[in-house]
Structure formats: C-alpha cells, structure tokens
Amino acid sequence: MKIYFHKNFDKQFGKLRANEKKKAQERLQLFLENPFNSVLENHPLKGKYTDYRSIDVAGDLRAIFKYLNENECIFVDVDTHSNLYS
C-alpha cells in the first residue's frame, strides 16, 4: 500500500501534540501493514465524506482517507471527531 498525504493533512498533523504525532505515526505504520487491523477500526463515512474512510488514531483523534485504487490511498485530514464531523 502506498500512502499519500494531502496538504491539509500535513497542516493538521503539524498542529498535533508530540504524543499525538507519535501515536498517529504508529497507527499509519499499522495501516501500512494491514489497513483492516481491528485496532484501527477502519470504517466508511457518510454525508459530506461519502467515499472516504476513517481510522482511529488515539482517543478522540481520527484520520480520514480515501482509496485511490487498491494499492494507493490519500490521507486528507486528522483531527478530533467533533472537529471533523461537525
């Protein structure tokens, strides 16, 4: 699996606290190994995020991504559940 990062993801990632960044990197590594690892709780989204999916990063922190094809995806945002879906 090849992962790309949207500039918005990079911007939001830069705003995370050090421990959140570390956890996000760990979860992205886990995603590379197995995108459907149960720890990630990989699930499809609805509404304005139709065609996108979300994984749990830590606590209330989520990362939103979209599959480009079966071997590539792009992560577009990372933030708290309430900030992403309000």
N, C-alpha and C. Protein backbone atom coordinates (compact mmCIF):
# COMPACT_ATOMS: atom_id res chain seq x y z
N MET A 1 0.85 -1.19 0.00
CA MET A 1 0.00 0.00 0.00
C MET A 1 0.89 1.24 0.00
N LYS A 2 0.59 2.15 -0.89
CA LYS A 2 1.30 3.43 -0.94
C LYS A 2 0.37 4.50 -0.38
N ILE A 3 0.90 5.32 0.52
CA ILE A 3 0.11 6.36 1.17
C ILE A 3 0.61 7.73 0.71
N TYR A 4 -0.35 8.59 0.37
CA TYR A 4 -0.07 9.99 0.07
C TYR A 4 -0.73 10.84 1.15
N PHE A 5 -0.24 12.05 1.32
CA PHE A 5 -0.80 12.96 2.32
C PHE A 5 -1.18 14.27 1.65
N HIS A 6 -2.44 14.63 1.80
CA HIS A 6 -2.94 15.92 1.30
C HIS A 6 -2.30 17.03 2.13
N LYS A 7 -2.16 18.21 1.55
CA LYS A 7 -1.55 19.32 2.28
C LYS A 7 -2.34 19.67 3.53
N ASN A 8 -3.65 19.47 3.51
CA ASN A 8 -4.46 19.72 4.70
C ASN A 8 -4.11 18.75 5.82
N PHE A 9 -3.85 17.49 5.47
CA PHE A 9 -3.43 16.51 6.48
C PHE A 9 -2.11 16.95 7.10
N ASP A 10 -1.17 17.34 6.26
CA ASP A 10 0.14 17.79 6.76
C ASP A 10 -0.01 18.98 7.71
N LYS A 11 -0.89 19.91 7.36
CA LYS A 11 -1.12 21.10 8.18
C LYS A 11 -1.70 20.71 9.54
N GLN A 12 -2.73 19.86 9.52
CA GLN A 12 -3.36 19.43 10.77
C GLN A 12 -2.41 18.56 11.60
N PHE A 13 -1.63 17.72 10.93
CA PHE A 13 -0.66 16.88 11.64
C PHE A 13 0.33 17.76 12.38
N GLY A 14 0.76 18.85 11.77
CA GLY A 14 1.70 19.77 12.40
C GLY A 14 1.17 20.41 13.66
N LYS A 15 -0.15 20.49 13.80
CA LYS A 15 -0.77 21.10 14.97
C LYS A 15 -0.94 20.12 16.13
N LEU A 16 -0.72 18.84 15.88
CA LEU A 16 -0.89 17.84 16.94
C LEU A 16 0.21 17.96 17.99
N ARG A 17 -0.13 17.53 19.20
CA ARG A 17 0.88 17.47 20.26
C ARG A 17 1.85 16.33 19.95
N ALA A 18 3.01 16.36 20.55
CA ALA A 18 4.06 15.37 20.26
C ALA A 18 3.58 13.94 20.47
N ASN A 19 2.87 13.69 21.56
CA ASN A 19 2.38 12.33 21.82
C ASN A 19 1.34 11.90 20.79
N GLU A 20 0.53 12.85 20.29
CA GLU A 20 -0.46 12.54 19.26
C GLU A 20 0.22 12.25 17.93
N LYS A 21 1.27 12.99 17.62
CA LYS A 21 2.02 12.73 16.39
C LYS A 21 2.64 11.34 16.42
N LYS A 22 3.19 10.99 17.57
CA LYS A 22 3.81 9.67 17.70
C LYS A 22 2.76 8.57 17.52
N LYS A 23 1.61 8.73 18.14
CA LYS A 23 0.54 7.73 18.02
C LYS A 23 0.04 7.66 16.58
N ALA A 24 -0.08 8.81 15.91
CA ALA A 24 -0.53 8.84 14.52
C ALA A 24 0.46 8.08 13.63
N GLN A 25 1.76 8.28 13.86
CA GLN A 25 2.77 7.59 13.07
C GLN A 25 2.70 6.08 13.31
N GLU A 26 2.46 5.68 14.55
CA GLU A 26 2.32 4.26 14.87
C GLU A 26 1.12 3.66 14.15
N ARG A 27 0.00 4.39 14.16
CA ARG A 27 -1.21 3.89 13.51
C ARG A 27 -1.06 3.85 11.99
N LEU A 28 -0.36 4.81 11.42
CA LEU A 28 -0.12 4.79 9.98
C LEU A 28 0.76 3.60 9.59
N GLN A 29 1.72 3.28 10.43
CA GLN A 29 2.56 2.11 10.17
C GLN A 29 1.72 0.84 10.24
N LEU A 30 0.85 0.78 11.24
CA LEU A 30 -0.06 -0.36 11.37
C LEU A 30 -0.97 -0.45 10.14
N PHE A 31 -1.43 0.70 9.65
CA PHE A 31 -2.27 0.76 8.46
C PHE A 31 -1.52 0.20 7.25
N LEU A 32 -0.24 0.54 7.13
CA LEU A 32 0.57 0.02 6.02
C LEU A 32 0.67 -1.50 6.06
N GLU A 33 0.78 -2.04 7.26
CA GLU A 33 0.91 -3.48 7.43
C GLU A 33 -0.41 -4.21 7.18
N ASN A 34 -1.49 -3.61 7.64
CA ASN A 34 -2.83 -4.20 7.47
C ASN A 34 -3.88 -3.11 7.65
N PRO A 35 -4.41 -2.56 6.56
CA PRO A 35 -5.39 -1.47 6.66
C PRO A 35 -6.64 -1.82 7.45
N PHE A 36 -6.93 -3.11 7.60
CA PHE A 36 -8.14 -3.51 8.30
C PHE A 36 -7.85 -4.16 9.65
N ASN A 37 -6.69 -3.84 10.23
CA ASN A 37 -6.39 -4.30 11.58
C ASN A 37 -7.49 -3.78 12.50
N SER A 38 -8.00 -4.64 13.36
CA SER A 38 -9.14 -4.26 14.21
C SER A 38 -8.85 -3.07 15.12
N VAL A 39 -7.61 -2.84 15.47
CA VAL A 39 -7.23 -1.71 16.32
C VAL A 39 -7.57 -0.38 15.63
N LEU A 40 -7.48 -0.36 14.32
CA LEU A 40 -7.71 0.88 13.56
C LEU A 40 -9.19 1.24 13.44
N GLU A 41 -10.05 0.26 13.57
CA GLU A 41 -11.49 0.47 13.38
C GLU A 41 -11.77 1.20 12.07
N ASN A 42 -11.16 0.73 11.00
CA ASN A 42 -11.31 1.28 9.66
C ASN A 42 -12.78 1.15 9.24
N HIS A 43 -13.42 2.29 8.92
CA HIS A 43 -14.84 2.24 8.56
C HIS A 43 -15.19 3.32 7.54
N PRO A 44 -16.21 3.05 6.71
CA PRO A 44 -16.63 4.04 5.72
C PRO A 44 -17.39 5.19 6.37
N LEU A 45 -17.36 6.33 5.73
CA LEU A 45 -18.05 7.52 6.23
C LEU A 45 -19.25 7.84 5.35
N LYS A 46 -20.11 8.71 5.85
CA LYS A 46 -21.32 9.10 5.13
C LYS A 46 -21.37 10.62 5.02
N GLY A 47 -22.41 11.12 4.37
CA GLY A 47 -22.62 12.55 4.27
C GLY A 47 -21.57 13.22 3.40
N LYS A 48 -21.01 14.32 3.89
CA LYS A 48 -20.03 15.06 3.08
C LYS A 48 -18.76 14.27 2.85
N TYR A 49 -18.56 13.19 3.61
CA TYR A 49 -17.38 12.35 3.45
C TYR A 49 -17.68 11.02 2.76
N THR A 50 -18.74 10.97 1.97
CA THR A 50 -19.04 9.76 1.20
C THR A 50 -17.82 9.43 0.35
N ASP A 51 -17.50 8.17 0.23
CA ASP A 51 -16.32 7.66 -0.49
C ASP A 51 -15.03 7.77 0.32
N TYR A 52 -15.11 8.29 1.54
CA TYR A 52 -13.94 8.38 2.41
C TYR A 52 -14.10 7.36 3.54
N ARG A 53 -12.99 7.10 4.20
CA ARG A 53 -12.98 6.19 5.33
C ARG A 53 -12.25 6.85 6.48
N SER A 54 -12.39 6.29 7.66
CA SER A 54 -11.75 6.84 8.85
C SER A 54 -11.08 5.72 9.64
N ILE A 55 -9.96 6.06 10.27
CA ILE A 55 -9.34 5.15 11.23
C ILE A 55 -9.17 5.90 12.56
N ASP A 56 -9.18 5.14 13.64
CA ASP A 56 -8.93 5.71 14.96
C ASP A 56 -7.43 5.86 15.14
N VAL A 57 -7.03 7.01 15.65
CA VAL A 57 -5.62 7.26 15.92
C VAL A 57 -5.35 7.09 17.41
N ALA A 58 -6.06 7.87 18.21
CA ALA A 58 -5.91 7.78 19.67
C ALA A 58 -7.05 8.54 20.31
N GLY A 59 -7.69 7.93 21.29
CA GLY A 59 -8.79 8.60 21.97
C GLY A 59 -9.82 9.09 20.98
N ASP A 60 -10.00 10.41 20.92
CA ASP A 60 -10.98 11.03 20.04
C ASP A 60 -10.38 11.45 18.70
N LEU A 61 -9.13 11.15 18.48
CA LEU A 61 -8.43 11.57 17.26
C LEU A 61 -8.69 10.58 16.12
N ARG A 62 -9.07 11.13 14.95
CA ARG A 62 -9.38 10.31 13.78
C ARG A 62 -8.57 10.80 12.58
N ALA A 63 -8.31 9.89 11.66
CA ALA A 63 -7.66 10.24 10.39
C ALA A 63 -8.61 9.82 9.26
N ILE A 64 -8.84 10.72 8.32
CA ILE A 64 -9.74 10.46 7.20
C ILE A 64 -8.91 10.26 5.94
N PHE A 65 -9.28 9.23 5.18
CA PHE A 65 -8.54 8.92 3.96
C PHE A 65 -9.49 8.41 2.89
N LYS A 66 -8.96 8.32 1.68
CA LYS A 66 -9.73 7.81 0.54
C LYS A 66 -8.84 6.89 -0.26
N TYR A 67 -9.39 5.75 -0.66
CA TYR A 67 -8.65 4.86 -1.55
C TYR A 67 -8.64 5.45 -2.95
N LEU A 68 -7.47 5.53 -3.56
CA LEU A 68 -7.34 5.98 -4.94
C LEU A 68 -7.48 4.79 -5.88
N ASN A 69 -6.96 3.67 -5.43
CA ASN A 69 -7.12 2.38 -6.11
C ASN A 69 -6.77 1.31 -5.06
N GLU A 70 -6.68 0.07 -5.47
CA GLU A 70 -6.47 -0.98 -4.47
C GLU A 70 -5.10 -0.94 -3.80
N ASN A 71 -4.15 -0.17 -4.38
CA ASN A 71 -2.80 -0.11 -3.82
C ASN A 71 -2.38 1.26 -3.32
N GLU A 72 -3.26 2.25 -3.43
CA GLU A 72 -2.91 3.61 -3.04
C GLU A 72 -4.08 4.28 -2.32
N CYS A 73 -3.72 5.13 -1.35
CA CYS A 73 -4.74 5.94 -0.68
C CYS A 73 -4.14 7.29 -0.32
N ILE A 74 -5.03 8.24 -0.06
CA ILE A 74 -4.58 9.57 0.35
C ILE A 74 -5.25 9.93 1.66
N PHE A 75 -4.46 10.33 2.62
CA PHE A 75 -4.98 10.81 3.90
C PHE A 75 -5.21 12.31 3.75
N VAL A 76 -6.43 12.73 4.07
CA VAL A 76 -6.81 14.12 3.82
C VAL A 76 -6.97 14.97 5.08
N ASP A 77 -7.17 14.33 6.23
CA ASP A 77 -7.37 15.12 7.44
C ASP A 77 -7.10 14.28 8.67
N VAL A 78 -6.71 14.93 9.74
CA VAL A 78 -6.55 14.28 11.04
C VAL A 78 -6.94 15.32 12.08
N ASP A 79 -7.89 14.94 12.94
CA ASP A 79 -8.38 15.87 13.95
C ASP A 79 -9.29 15.10 14.90
N THR A 80 -9.87 15.82 15.85
CA THR A 80 -10.79 15.17 16.77
C THR A 80 -12.10 14.86 16.05
N HIS A 81 -12.81 13.91 16.58
CA HIS A 81 -14.09 13.50 16.00
C HIS A 81 -15.02 14.70 15.86
N SER A 82 -15.14 15.50 16.90
CA SER A 82 -16.07 16.64 16.88
C SER A 82 -15.65 17.71 15.86
N ASN A 83 -14.37 17.94 15.69
CA ASN A 83 -13.93 18.93 14.71
C ASN A 83 -14.12 18.43 13.28
N LEU A 84 -13.97 17.15 13.06
CA LEU A 84 -14.10 16.60 11.70
C LEU A 84 -15.54 16.51 11.25
N TYR A 85 -16.42 16.13 12.14
CA TYR A 85 -17.78 15.80 11.72
C TYR A 85 -18.83 16.81 12.14
N SER A 86 -18.45 17.99 12.58
CA SER A 86 -19.46 18.98 13.00
C SER A 86 -19.79 19.93 11.86
